């Protein structure tokens, strides 16, 4: 099914502060790249935009629910910041404390997701995608359970290797962990989890280092 059939429901709020009425809107878009954007405006004038880039478009009902939960959390946390921040004024003011509008850098590889870049490493076989709480997205859980039954039972404990970091959105530490050498690696992007399976294709590749380099290079672009 096309990704256009899975559009997470956006959220809108109105925050009154004195004579101002600020509109906060958080919505999902998949073009030109998948993202969640919270826009703060006053009488139609955009004051700030906070953008969260997603690894890939929403492509299943389960993912739609997951993204809607992330969107709700982002929207509520930003709304609370605005309510408690008396310095937020207009786009022309130097007093604003939220990040300014961001735009993607011009880069020929910008259209490649992190998962696609990891897949380009020689010997990488399959990537399993999970949310930050250890829940599989799509229909990958059964396959992973058959291949790694012992690890499957202890996924929640394993992913806690990367600690949770409180903030605007709930995130984990980024990093790569070698679960089984030359077979299985755990990757935290900060907002999502990957299990990467490999089957050695050469004698040169050090998979933990290769995946970490892809992760580091990907986030240097933003």
N, C-alpha and C. Protein backbone atom coordinates (compact mmCIF):
# COMPACT_ATOMS: atom_id res chain seq x y z
N UNK A 1 0.85 -1.21 0.00
CA UNK A 1 0.00 0.00 0.00
C UNK A 1 0.88 1.25 0.00
N UNK A 2 0.45 2.26 -0.73
CA UNK A 2 1.23 3.49 -0.82
C UNK A 2 1.30 4.20 0.51
N UNK A 3 2.46 4.88 0.74
CA UNK A 3 2.64 5.62 1.99
C UNK A 3 1.61 6.74 2.15
N UNK A 4 0.98 7.17 1.03
CA UNK A 4 -0.01 8.23 1.12
C UNK A 4 -1.25 7.77 1.86
N UNK A 5 -1.42 6.45 2.03
CA UNK A 5 -2.58 5.93 2.74
C UNK A 5 -2.37 5.94 4.25
N UNK A 6 -1.16 6.22 4.69
CA UNK A 6 -0.86 6.23 6.12
C UNK A 6 -0.40 7.63 6.52
N UNK A 7 -1.35 8.47 6.87
CA UNK A 7 -1.06 9.84 7.24
C UNK A 7 -1.46 10.02 8.72
N UNK A 8 -0.50 10.08 9.63
CA UNK A 8 -0.81 10.29 11.04
C UNK A 8 -1.61 11.58 11.24
N UNK A 9 -2.55 11.53 12.17
CA UNK A 9 -3.40 12.70 12.44
C UNK A 9 -2.60 13.78 13.17
N UNK A 10 -2.67 15.00 12.65
CA UNK A 10 -1.95 16.11 13.26
C UNK A 10 -2.65 16.63 14.52
N UNK A 11 -1.98 17.57 15.18
CA UNK A 11 -2.51 18.13 16.43
C UNK A 11 -2.41 19.65 16.37
N UNK A 12 -3.43 20.34 16.91
CA UNK A 12 -3.47 21.80 16.92
C UNK A 12 -3.88 22.29 18.30
N UNK A 13 -3.21 23.33 18.79
CA UNK A 13 -3.54 23.91 20.09
C UNK A 13 -3.48 25.43 19.99
N UNK A 14 -4.17 26.10 20.91
CA UNK A 14 -4.13 27.56 21.02
C UNK A 14 -3.67 27.91 22.43
N UNK A 15 -2.59 28.67 22.52
CA UNK A 15 -2.04 29.08 23.82
C UNK A 15 -2.19 30.59 23.95
N UNK A 16 -2.94 31.03 24.95
CA UNK A 16 -3.13 32.46 25.19
C UNK A 16 -2.14 32.94 26.23
N UNK A 17 -1.46 34.05 25.88
CA UNK A 17 -0.51 34.67 26.81
C UNK A 17 -0.70 36.18 26.73
N UNK A 18 -1.41 36.70 27.72
CA UNK A 18 -1.71 38.12 27.68
C UNK A 18 -2.61 38.44 26.50
N UNK A 19 -2.17 39.37 25.66
CA UNK A 19 -2.96 39.75 24.49
C UNK A 19 -2.68 38.86 23.29
N UNK A 20 -1.70 37.95 23.42
CA UNK A 20 -1.32 37.09 22.31
C UNK A 20 -2.09 35.77 22.35
N UNK A 21 -2.39 35.26 21.17
CA UNK A 21 -2.97 33.92 21.04
C UNK A 21 -2.10 33.17 20.04
N UNK A 22 -1.27 32.28 20.54
CA UNK A 22 -0.33 31.55 19.69
C UNK A 22 -0.94 30.23 19.23
N UNK A 23 -0.83 29.99 17.93
CA UNK A 23 -1.32 28.74 17.38
C UNK A 23 -0.15 27.75 17.27
N UNK A 24 -0.32 26.55 17.78
CA UNK A 24 0.70 25.50 17.70
C UNK A 24 0.12 24.36 16.90
N UNK A 25 0.79 24.00 15.82
CA UNK A 25 0.31 22.92 14.96
C UNK A 25 1.45 21.94 14.69
N UNK A 26 1.18 20.66 14.95
CA UNK A 26 2.17 19.62 14.67
C UNK A 26 1.59 18.68 13.62
N UNK A 27 2.34 18.44 12.56
CA UNK A 27 1.83 17.61 11.47
C UNK A 27 2.94 16.77 10.86
N UNK A 28 2.51 15.73 10.17
CA UNK A 28 3.41 14.81 9.48
C UNK A 28 3.41 15.12 7.98
N UNK A 29 4.58 15.00 7.36
CA UNK A 29 4.68 15.11 5.91
C UNK A 29 5.73 14.11 5.42
N UNK A 30 5.54 13.57 4.24
CA UNK A 30 6.50 12.60 3.71
C UNK A 30 7.26 13.14 2.49
N UNK A 31 6.90 14.33 2.02
CA UNK A 31 7.62 14.94 0.92
C UNK A 31 8.09 16.34 1.32
N UNK A 32 9.29 16.77 0.94
CA UNK A 32 10.27 16.05 0.12
C UNK A 32 11.02 14.97 0.90
N UNK A 33 10.83 14.92 2.22
CA UNK A 33 11.41 13.86 3.04
C UNK A 33 10.51 13.71 4.26
N UNK A 34 10.41 12.52 4.85
CA UNK A 34 9.49 12.30 5.98
C UNK A 34 9.91 13.08 7.23
N UNK A 35 8.94 13.73 7.89
CA UNK A 35 9.27 14.57 9.03
C UNK A 35 8.03 14.90 9.84
N UNK A 36 8.25 15.31 11.09
CA UNK A 36 7.23 15.90 11.94
C UNK A 36 7.61 17.35 12.16
N UNK A 37 6.68 18.26 11.95
CA UNK A 37 6.98 19.68 12.09
C UNK A 37 5.96 20.33 13.01
N UNK A 38 6.46 21.03 14.03
CA UNK A 38 5.61 21.84 14.89
C UNK A 38 5.81 23.30 14.52
N UNK A 39 4.72 23.96 14.14
CA UNK A 39 4.76 25.37 13.73
C UNK A 39 4.08 26.22 14.79
N UNK A 40 4.75 27.30 15.20
CA UNK A 40 4.20 28.23 16.17
C UNK A 40 3.96 29.55 15.44
N UNK A 41 2.72 30.04 15.46
CA UNK A 41 2.41 31.26 14.72
C UNK A 41 1.49 32.16 15.54
N UNK A 42 1.47 33.42 15.14
CA UNK A 42 0.63 34.42 15.80
C UNK A 42 -0.04 35.25 14.71
N UNK A 43 -1.35 35.11 14.61
CA UNK A 43 -2.14 35.83 13.59
C UNK A 43 -1.61 35.56 12.18
N UNK A 44 -1.26 34.32 11.94
CA UNK A 44 -0.80 33.91 10.62
C UNK A 44 0.69 34.09 10.39
N UNK A 45 1.40 34.79 11.29
CA UNK A 45 2.84 34.99 11.15
C UNK A 45 3.59 33.86 11.84
N UNK A 46 4.42 33.15 11.10
CA UNK A 46 5.18 32.04 11.67
C UNK A 46 6.30 32.59 12.54
N UNK A 47 6.31 32.15 13.80
CA UNK A 47 7.35 32.58 14.73
C UNK A 47 8.51 31.59 14.77
N UNK A 48 8.16 30.31 14.83
CA UNK A 48 9.19 29.27 14.92
C UNK A 48 8.68 27.99 14.29
N UNK A 49 9.63 27.18 13.83
CA UNK A 49 9.32 25.82 13.39
C UNK A 49 10.32 24.87 14.03
N UNK A 50 9.82 23.78 14.57
CA UNK A 50 10.67 22.74 15.15
C UNK A 50 10.43 21.48 14.34
N UNK A 51 11.47 20.98 13.72
CA UNK A 51 11.32 19.87 12.79
C UNK A 51 12.07 18.64 13.28
N UNK A 52 11.41 17.49 13.17
CA UNK A 52 12.03 16.21 13.52
C UNK A 52 12.02 15.34 12.27
N UNK A 53 13.20 15.04 11.74
CA UNK A 53 13.31 14.23 10.53
C UNK A 53 13.10 12.76 10.88
N UNK A 54 12.33 12.05 10.07
CA UNK A 54 12.07 10.63 10.27
C UNK A 54 12.94 9.81 9.32
N UNK A 55 13.21 8.57 9.71
CA UNK A 55 14.08 7.72 8.90
C UNK A 55 13.42 7.30 7.59
N UNK A 56 12.10 7.11 7.60
CA UNK A 56 11.40 6.66 6.41
C UNK A 56 9.92 7.02 6.51
N UNK A 57 9.19 7.05 5.40
CA UNK A 57 7.76 7.37 5.46
C UNK A 57 6.99 6.31 6.23
N UNK A 58 5.85 6.69 6.76
CA UNK A 58 4.97 5.74 7.44
C UNK A 58 4.40 4.77 6.41
N UNK A 59 4.54 3.48 6.65
CA UNK A 59 4.16 2.50 5.64
C UNK A 59 3.30 1.37 6.18
N UNK A 60 2.79 1.49 7.41
CA UNK A 60 1.94 0.45 7.96
C UNK A 60 1.04 1.06 9.04
N UNK A 61 -0.08 0.40 9.36
CA UNK A 61 -0.96 0.91 10.43
C UNK A 61 -0.24 1.00 11.77
N UNK A 62 0.64 0.02 12.06
CA UNK A 62 1.36 0.02 13.33
C UNK A 62 2.29 1.22 13.43
N UNK A 63 2.95 1.52 12.32
CA UNK A 63 3.85 2.67 12.30
C UNK A 63 3.07 3.97 12.43
N UNK A 64 1.88 4.01 11.84
CA UNK A 64 1.07 5.22 11.93
C UNK A 64 0.72 5.52 13.39
N UNK A 65 0.35 4.47 14.13
CA UNK A 65 0.04 4.65 15.56
C UNK A 65 1.27 5.12 16.32
N UNK A 66 2.42 4.51 16.01
CA UNK A 66 3.66 4.88 16.70
C UNK A 66 4.03 6.33 16.45
N UNK A 67 3.93 6.77 15.20
CA UNK A 67 4.27 8.14 14.86
C UNK A 67 3.28 9.12 15.48
N UNK A 68 2.01 8.74 15.54
CA UNK A 68 1.02 9.61 16.18
C UNK A 68 1.35 9.81 17.66
N UNK A 69 1.85 8.76 18.32
CA UNK A 69 2.25 8.88 19.72
C UNK A 69 3.45 9.81 19.88
N UNK A 70 4.42 9.69 18.96
CA UNK A 70 5.58 10.58 18.99
C UNK A 70 5.14 12.02 18.73
N UNK A 71 4.24 12.18 17.77
CA UNK A 71 3.73 13.52 17.44
C UNK A 71 3.02 14.13 18.65
N UNK A 72 2.20 13.34 19.33
CA UNK A 72 1.49 13.84 20.51
C UNK A 72 2.47 14.30 21.58
N UNK A 73 3.52 13.51 21.81
CA UNK A 73 4.51 13.85 22.83
C UNK A 73 5.25 15.13 22.45
N UNK A 74 5.66 15.24 21.19
CA UNK A 74 6.37 16.43 20.72
C UNK A 74 5.48 17.66 20.86
N UNK A 75 4.23 17.53 20.46
CA UNK A 75 3.29 18.66 20.51
C UNK A 75 3.06 19.12 21.95
N UNK A 76 2.83 18.19 22.85
CA UNK A 76 2.56 18.55 24.24
C UNK A 76 3.76 19.18 24.92
N UNK A 77 4.95 18.64 24.66
CA UNK A 77 6.15 19.17 25.30
C UNK A 77 6.47 20.57 24.80
N UNK A 78 6.31 20.81 23.51
CA UNK A 78 6.56 22.15 22.98
C UNK A 78 5.50 23.13 23.49
N UNK A 79 4.26 22.69 23.57
CA UNK A 79 3.19 23.54 24.11
C UNK A 79 3.50 23.96 25.54
N UNK A 80 4.01 23.01 26.35
CA UNK A 80 4.35 23.33 27.73
C UNK A 80 5.50 24.34 27.80
N UNK A 81 6.48 24.19 26.91
CA UNK A 81 7.60 25.14 26.88
C UNK A 81 7.10 26.54 26.56
N UNK A 82 6.18 26.63 25.59
CA UNK A 82 5.65 27.94 25.21
C UNK A 82 4.86 28.56 26.36
N UNK A 83 4.06 27.75 27.05
CA UNK A 83 3.27 28.26 28.17
C UNK A 83 4.15 28.83 29.28
N UNK A 84 5.31 28.22 29.48
CA UNK A 84 6.18 28.60 30.59
C UNK A 84 7.31 29.55 30.19
N UNK A 85 7.34 29.96 28.92
CA UNK A 85 8.43 30.79 28.44
C UNK A 85 7.91 32.17 28.07
N UNK A 86 8.15 33.12 28.92
CA UNK A 86 7.65 34.48 28.69
C UNK A 86 8.48 35.25 27.68
N UNK A 87 9.61 34.70 27.23
CA UNK A 87 10.50 35.44 26.32
C UNK A 87 10.19 35.19 24.85
N UNK A 88 9.33 34.22 24.57
CA UNK A 88 9.00 33.94 23.19
C UNK A 88 8.14 35.06 22.63
N UNK A 89 8.64 35.76 21.61
CA UNK A 89 7.87 36.87 21.03
C UNK A 89 7.65 36.62 19.55
N UNK A 90 8.31 37.39 18.70
CA UNK A 90 8.07 37.24 17.27
C UNK A 90 9.32 36.76 16.56
N UNK A 91 9.15 36.47 15.27
CA UNK A 91 10.27 35.95 14.50
C UNK A 91 11.38 36.97 14.35
N UNK A 92 11.05 38.27 14.50
CA UNK A 92 12.05 39.32 14.35
C UNK A 92 12.75 39.66 15.67
N UNK A 93 12.34 39.00 16.73
CA UNK A 93 12.90 39.30 18.04
C UNK A 93 14.10 38.44 18.33
N UNK A 94 15.04 38.97 19.11
CA UNK A 94 16.21 38.19 19.51
C UNK A 94 15.93 37.41 20.78
N UNK A 95 14.70 37.53 21.32
CA UNK A 95 14.38 36.88 22.58
C UNK A 95 13.87 35.47 22.46
N UNK A 96 13.59 34.97 21.25
CA UNK A 96 13.06 33.63 21.09
C UNK A 96 14.04 32.58 21.57
N UNK A 97 13.51 31.52 22.17
CA UNK A 97 14.40 30.49 22.71
C UNK A 97 14.22 29.15 22.02
N UNK A 98 13.23 29.00 21.15
CA UNK A 98 13.07 27.76 20.43
C UNK A 98 13.92 27.78 19.17
N UNK A 99 14.33 26.62 18.67
CA UNK A 99 15.16 26.59 17.48
C UNK A 99 14.47 27.22 16.29
N UNK A 100 15.22 27.92 15.42
CA UNK A 100 14.61 28.53 14.24
C UNK A 100 14.23 27.48 13.23
N UNK A 101 13.53 27.89 12.21
CA UNK A 101 13.15 26.97 11.15
C UNK A 101 14.39 26.34 10.54
N UNK A 102 14.33 25.04 10.29
CA UNK A 102 15.46 24.33 9.73
C UNK A 102 15.11 23.83 8.34
N UNK A 103 16.12 23.76 7.49
CA UNK A 103 15.94 23.22 6.16
C UNK A 103 17.02 22.21 5.91
N UNK A 104 16.74 21.15 5.13
CA UNK A 104 17.75 20.13 4.87
C UNK A 104 18.89 20.69 4.05
N UNK A 105 20.10 20.24 4.33
CA UNK A 105 21.26 20.67 3.56
C UNK A 105 21.23 20.04 2.18
N UNK A 106 21.81 20.78 1.24
CA UNK A 106 21.91 20.24 -0.10
C UNK A 106 22.97 19.15 -0.11
N UNK A 107 22.56 17.94 -0.44
CA UNK A 107 23.49 16.82 -0.40
C UNK A 107 22.96 15.75 -1.34
N UNK A 108 23.77 15.24 -2.27
CA UNK A 108 23.30 14.22 -3.20
C UNK A 108 22.78 12.98 -2.51
N UNK A 109 23.31 12.67 -1.31
CA UNK A 109 22.91 11.46 -0.61
C UNK A 109 21.78 11.70 0.38
N UNK A 110 21.24 12.92 0.41
CA UNK A 110 20.24 13.26 1.42
C UNK A 110 18.99 12.42 1.30
N UNK A 111 18.71 11.90 0.11
CA UNK A 111 17.50 11.10 -0.08
C UNK A 111 17.63 9.69 0.48
N UNK A 112 18.85 9.27 0.81
CA UNK A 112 19.06 7.93 1.35
C UNK A 112 18.81 7.94 2.85
N UNK A 113 17.97 7.03 3.31
CA UNK A 113 17.71 6.92 4.74
C UNK A 113 18.92 6.29 5.43
N UNK A 114 18.95 6.38 6.74
CA UNK A 114 20.03 5.76 7.50
C UNK A 114 20.04 4.26 7.27
N UNK A 115 18.85 3.65 7.25
CA UNK A 115 18.78 2.20 7.03
C UNK A 115 19.36 1.82 5.67
N UNK A 116 19.08 2.61 4.64
CA UNK A 116 19.63 2.33 3.31
C UNK A 116 21.15 2.43 3.31
N UNK A 117 21.68 3.39 4.05
CA UNK A 117 23.13 3.56 4.10
C UNK A 117 23.79 2.38 4.84
N UNK A 118 23.15 1.92 5.89
CA UNK A 118 23.69 0.75 6.61
C UNK A 118 23.65 -0.48 5.70
N UNK A 119 22.57 -0.61 4.92
CA UNK A 119 22.44 -1.75 4.01
C UNK A 119 23.54 -1.77 2.95
N UNK A 120 24.12 -0.60 2.67
CA UNK A 120 25.16 -0.54 1.65
C UNK A 120 26.50 -1.07 2.14
N UNK A 121 26.64 -1.33 3.43
CA UNK A 121 27.88 -1.91 3.96
C UNK A 121 27.97 -3.35 3.49
N UNK A 122 29.11 -3.77 2.91
CA UNK A 122 29.24 -5.15 2.41
C UNK A 122 28.96 -6.18 3.51
N UNK A 123 28.06 -7.10 3.23
CA UNK A 123 27.77 -8.17 4.17
C UNK A 123 26.55 -7.94 5.04
N UNK A 124 26.02 -6.71 5.07
CA UNK A 124 24.80 -6.46 5.85
C UNK A 124 23.65 -7.20 5.18
N UNK A 125 22.97 -8.02 5.97
CA UNK A 125 21.94 -8.90 5.43
C UNK A 125 20.53 -8.35 5.61
N UNK A 126 20.18 -7.99 6.85
CA UNK A 126 18.81 -7.54 7.12
C UNK A 126 18.82 -6.52 8.26
N UNK A 127 17.85 -5.61 8.23
CA UNK A 127 17.69 -4.63 9.29
C UNK A 127 16.29 -4.74 9.87
N UNK A 128 16.23 -4.91 11.19
CA UNK A 128 14.96 -4.96 11.90
C UNK A 128 14.75 -3.62 12.60
N UNK A 129 13.58 -3.05 12.43
CA UNK A 129 13.30 -1.73 12.96
C UNK A 129 12.41 -1.81 14.19
N UNK A 130 12.78 -1.09 15.27
CA UNK A 130 12.00 -1.04 16.49
C UNK A 130 11.82 0.40 16.94
N UNK A 131 10.81 0.65 17.75
CA UNK A 131 10.70 1.97 18.34
C UNK A 131 11.60 2.05 19.57
N UNK A 132 11.62 3.19 20.23
CA UNK A 132 12.55 3.42 21.33
C UNK A 132 12.23 2.63 22.59
N UNK A 133 11.07 1.96 22.60
CA UNK A 133 10.70 1.15 23.74
C UNK A 133 10.86 -0.33 23.46
N UNK A 134 11.42 -0.67 22.29
CA UNK A 134 11.71 -2.05 21.97
C UNK A 134 10.59 -2.80 21.28
N UNK A 135 9.63 -2.09 20.70
CA UNK A 135 8.54 -2.72 19.97
C UNK A 135 8.85 -2.76 18.48
N UNK A 136 8.74 -3.95 17.88
CA UNK A 136 9.01 -4.09 16.46
C UNK A 136 7.94 -3.37 15.65
N UNK A 137 8.35 -2.77 14.53
CA UNK A 137 7.41 -2.16 13.60
C UNK A 137 7.25 -3.10 12.41
N UNK A 138 6.11 -3.05 11.78
CA UNK A 138 5.87 -3.94 10.66
C UNK A 138 5.69 -5.37 11.11
N UNK A 139 6.12 -6.32 10.28
CA UNK A 139 5.92 -7.75 10.56
C UNK A 139 7.25 -8.47 10.76
N UNK A 140 8.21 -7.80 11.38
CA UNK A 140 9.54 -8.37 11.51
C UNK A 140 9.75 -9.17 12.78
N UNK A 141 8.87 -9.04 13.76
CA UNK A 141 9.09 -9.66 15.07
C UNK A 141 9.21 -11.18 14.97
N UNK A 142 8.36 -11.81 14.17
CA UNK A 142 8.36 -13.27 14.07
C UNK A 142 9.68 -13.78 13.51
N UNK A 143 10.17 -13.13 12.45
CA UNK A 143 11.45 -13.53 11.86
C UNK A 143 12.59 -13.41 12.85
N UNK A 144 12.62 -12.28 13.56
CA UNK A 144 13.70 -12.05 14.51
C UNK A 144 13.64 -13.07 15.64
N UNK A 145 12.44 -13.37 16.12
CA UNK A 145 12.27 -14.33 17.22
C UNK A 145 12.79 -15.71 16.84
N UNK A 146 12.54 -16.12 15.59
CA UNK A 146 13.02 -17.43 15.13
C UNK A 146 14.55 -17.47 15.07
N UNK A 147 15.15 -16.37 14.62
CA UNK A 147 16.60 -16.35 14.44
C UNK A 147 17.36 -16.08 15.74
N UNK A 148 16.75 -15.29 16.65
CA UNK A 148 17.45 -14.88 17.87
C UNK A 148 16.49 -14.98 19.07
N UNK A 149 16.05 -16.19 19.37
CA UNK A 149 15.02 -16.37 20.40
C UNK A 149 15.46 -15.88 21.77
N UNK A 150 16.70 -16.16 22.16
CA UNK A 150 17.18 -15.76 23.49
C UNK A 150 17.25 -14.24 23.61
N UNK A 151 17.72 -13.59 22.55
CA UNK A 151 17.81 -12.13 22.55
C UNK A 151 16.42 -11.51 22.54
N UNK A 152 15.50 -12.13 21.80
CA UNK A 152 14.14 -11.62 21.72
C UNK A 152 13.49 -11.52 23.10
N UNK A 153 13.78 -12.49 23.96
CA UNK A 153 13.18 -12.50 25.30
C UNK A 153 13.68 -11.36 26.17
N UNK A 154 14.86 -10.83 25.84
CA UNK A 154 15.48 -9.82 26.70
C UNK A 154 15.73 -8.50 25.97
N UNK A 155 14.91 -8.21 24.97
CA UNK A 155 15.13 -7.01 24.15
C UNK A 155 15.09 -5.74 25.00
N UNK A 156 14.10 -5.63 25.88
CA UNK A 156 13.96 -4.39 26.66
C UNK A 156 15.20 -4.12 27.50
N UNK A 157 15.77 -5.18 28.09
CA UNK A 157 16.99 -5.02 28.89
C UNK A 157 18.18 -4.68 28.00
N UNK A 158 18.23 -5.29 26.82
CA UNK A 158 19.37 -5.07 25.92
C UNK A 158 19.41 -3.64 25.41
N UNK A 159 18.28 -3.10 24.99
CA UNK A 159 18.30 -1.75 24.43
C UNK A 159 18.59 -0.69 25.49
N UNK A 160 18.44 -1.04 26.76
CA UNK A 160 18.75 -0.09 27.83
C UNK A 160 20.25 0.15 27.97
N UNK A 161 21.05 -0.54 27.14
CA UNK A 161 22.48 -0.20 27.03
C UNK A 161 22.61 1.27 26.64
N UNK A 162 21.67 1.72 25.82
CA UNK A 162 21.63 3.13 25.41
C UNK A 162 20.60 3.84 26.29
N UNK A 163 21.04 4.67 27.20
CA UNK A 163 20.17 5.29 28.20
C UNK A 163 19.21 6.29 27.58
N UNK A 164 18.05 6.44 28.22
CA UNK A 164 17.07 7.43 27.80
C UNK A 164 17.55 8.82 28.19
N UNK A 165 17.32 9.80 27.30
CA UNK A 165 17.71 11.18 27.55
C UNK A 165 16.45 12.04 27.48
N UNK A 166 16.06 12.68 28.58
CA UNK A 166 14.87 13.53 28.55
C UNK A 166 15.11 14.79 27.75
N UNK A 167 14.06 15.32 27.13
CA UNK A 167 14.20 16.55 26.35
C UNK A 167 12.90 16.88 25.66
N UNK A 168 13.00 17.63 24.55
CA UNK A 168 11.81 17.99 23.79
C UNK A 168 11.07 16.73 23.34
N UNK A 169 11.81 15.75 22.85
CA UNK A 169 11.25 14.44 22.56
C UNK A 169 12.09 13.41 23.28
N UNK A 170 11.46 12.34 23.71
CA UNK A 170 12.16 11.32 24.47
C UNK A 170 13.13 10.58 23.56
N UNK A 171 14.40 10.60 23.88
CA UNK A 171 15.42 10.01 23.01
C UNK A 171 16.38 9.16 23.83
N UNK A 172 17.14 8.33 23.13
CA UNK A 172 18.19 7.52 23.74
C UNK A 172 19.56 8.05 23.28
N UNK A 173 20.57 7.58 23.97
CA UNK A 173 21.93 7.83 23.49
C UNK A 173 22.10 7.15 22.14
N UNK A 174 22.85 7.78 21.24
CA UNK A 174 23.15 7.17 19.95
C UNK A 174 24.35 6.24 20.10
N UNK A 175 24.40 5.19 19.28
CA UNK A 175 25.56 4.32 19.32
C UNK A 175 25.33 2.98 18.66
N UNK A 176 26.39 2.17 18.66
CA UNK A 176 26.37 0.83 18.06
C UNK A 176 26.92 -0.16 19.08
N UNK A 177 26.25 -1.29 19.24
CA UNK A 177 26.69 -2.31 20.19
C UNK A 177 26.76 -3.66 19.48
N UNK A 178 27.89 -4.34 19.63
CA UNK A 178 28.09 -5.65 19.02
C UNK A 178 27.44 -6.72 19.91
N UNK A 179 26.32 -7.26 19.46
CA UNK A 179 25.62 -8.31 20.22
C UNK A 179 26.29 -9.65 19.99
N UNK A 180 26.48 -10.00 18.71
CA UNK A 180 27.22 -11.20 18.33
C UNK A 180 28.14 -10.84 17.18
N UNK A 181 29.43 -11.04 17.37
CA UNK A 181 30.40 -10.60 16.37
C UNK A 181 30.12 -11.21 15.01
N UNK A 182 30.15 -10.35 13.99
CA UNK A 182 29.95 -10.75 12.60
C UNK A 182 28.59 -11.42 12.37
N UNK A 183 27.62 -11.11 13.28
CA UNK A 183 26.29 -11.69 13.10
C UNK A 183 25.16 -10.71 13.43
N UNK A 184 25.25 -10.04 14.59
CA UNK A 184 24.14 -9.19 15.02
C UNK A 184 24.65 -7.95 15.74
N UNK A 185 24.12 -6.78 15.35
CA UNK A 185 24.52 -5.51 15.94
C UNK A 185 23.26 -4.70 16.31
N UNK A 186 23.36 -4.01 17.44
CA UNK A 186 22.27 -3.15 17.92
C UNK A 186 22.66 -1.70 17.65
N UNK A 187 21.75 -0.95 17.03
CA UNK A 187 22.02 0.44 16.67
C UNK A 187 20.93 1.33 17.26
N UNK A 188 21.35 2.38 17.97
CA UNK A 188 20.41 3.39 18.46
C UNK A 188 20.65 4.67 17.68
N UNK A 189 19.60 5.18 17.03
CA UNK A 189 19.71 6.44 16.30
C UNK A 189 19.36 7.63 17.19
N UNK A 190 18.96 7.34 18.42
CA UNK A 190 18.48 8.37 19.31
C UNK A 190 16.97 8.31 19.45
N UNK A 191 16.28 8.17 18.31
CA UNK A 191 14.81 8.12 18.30
C UNK A 191 14.26 6.76 17.92
N UNK A 192 15.11 5.89 17.39
CA UNK A 192 14.68 4.56 16.95
C UNK A 192 15.80 3.56 17.20
N UNK A 193 15.44 2.27 17.08
CA UNK A 193 16.39 1.18 17.30
C UNK A 193 16.43 0.31 16.05
N UNK A 194 17.63 -0.14 15.68
CA UNK A 194 17.79 -1.12 14.62
C UNK A 194 18.53 -2.34 15.16
N UNK A 195 18.13 -3.53 14.73
CA UNK A 195 18.98 -4.70 14.83
C UNK A 195 19.49 -4.97 13.42
N UNK A 196 20.80 -5.08 13.27
CA UNK A 196 21.42 -5.28 11.96
C UNK A 196 22.07 -6.66 11.94
N UNK A 197 21.65 -7.52 11.01
CA UNK A 197 22.27 -8.83 10.86
C UNK A 197 23.26 -8.78 9.70
N UNK A 198 24.37 -9.49 9.87
CA UNK A 198 25.40 -9.48 8.83
C UNK A 198 25.86 -10.90 8.53
N UNK A 199 26.40 -11.06 7.36
CA UNK A 199 27.04 -12.30 6.94
C UNK A 199 28.32 -11.87 6.23
N UNK A 200 29.45 -12.12 6.86
CA UNK A 200 30.71 -11.53 6.41
C UNK A 200 30.95 -11.76 4.91
N UNK A 201 31.24 -10.64 4.21
CA UNK A 201 31.46 -10.68 2.77
C UNK A 201 32.92 -10.49 2.40
N UNK A 202 33.75 -10.04 3.37
CA UNK A 202 35.17 -9.84 3.10
C UNK A 202 35.93 -9.97 4.42
N UNK A 203 37.23 -9.75 4.36
CA UNK A 203 38.06 -9.86 5.56
C UNK A 203 38.44 -8.50 6.13
N UNK A 204 38.02 -7.44 5.48
CA UNK A 204 38.45 -6.11 5.89
C UNK A 204 37.44 -5.39 6.80
N UNK A 205 36.17 -5.61 6.58
CA UNK A 205 35.15 -4.82 7.27
C UNK A 205 35.08 -5.15 8.76
N UNK A 206 35.18 -4.13 9.58
CA UNK A 206 34.92 -4.25 11.02
C UNK A 206 33.53 -3.65 11.22
N UNK A 207 32.55 -4.50 11.41
CA UNK A 207 31.16 -4.06 11.30
C UNK A 207 30.76 -3.01 12.33
N UNK A 208 31.21 -3.17 13.56
CA UNK A 208 30.84 -2.18 14.57
C UNK A 208 31.35 -0.79 14.17
N UNK A 209 32.58 -0.72 13.69
CA UNK A 209 33.15 0.56 13.27
C UNK A 209 32.47 1.09 12.01
N UNK A 210 32.18 0.19 11.07
CA UNK A 210 31.57 0.61 9.80
C UNK A 210 30.17 1.18 10.03
N UNK A 211 29.38 0.53 10.89
CA UNK A 211 28.03 1.02 11.17
C UNK A 211 28.10 2.34 11.93
N UNK A 212 29.04 2.44 12.87
CA UNK A 212 29.17 3.67 13.65
C UNK A 212 29.55 4.84 12.74
N UNK A 213 30.40 4.59 11.76
CA UNK A 213 30.80 5.66 10.83
C UNK A 213 29.59 6.13 10.02
N UNK A 214 28.78 5.20 9.55
CA UNK A 214 27.57 5.57 8.81
C UNK A 214 26.66 6.41 9.69
N UNK A 215 26.49 6.00 10.95
CA UNK A 215 25.63 6.73 11.88
C UNK A 215 26.17 8.15 12.11
N UNK A 216 27.48 8.26 12.37
CA UNK A 216 28.08 9.57 12.62
C UNK A 216 27.98 10.47 11.39
N UNK A 217 28.29 9.92 10.22
CA UNK A 217 28.25 10.71 8.99
C UNK A 217 26.83 11.18 8.68
N UNK A 218 25.86 10.33 8.95
CA UNK A 218 24.46 10.68 8.67
C UNK A 218 24.04 11.90 9.48
N UNK A 219 24.38 11.93 10.78
CA UNK A 219 23.93 13.03 11.62
C UNK A 219 24.79 14.28 11.48
N UNK A 220 25.96 14.17 10.86
CA UNK A 220 26.75 15.37 10.59
C UNK A 220 26.09 16.22 9.50
N UNK A 221 25.21 15.62 8.72
CA UNK A 221 24.58 16.32 7.60
C UNK A 221 23.43 17.22 8.05
N UNK A 222 23.03 17.09 9.33
CA UNK A 222 21.86 17.83 9.78
C UNK A 222 22.20 18.74 10.93
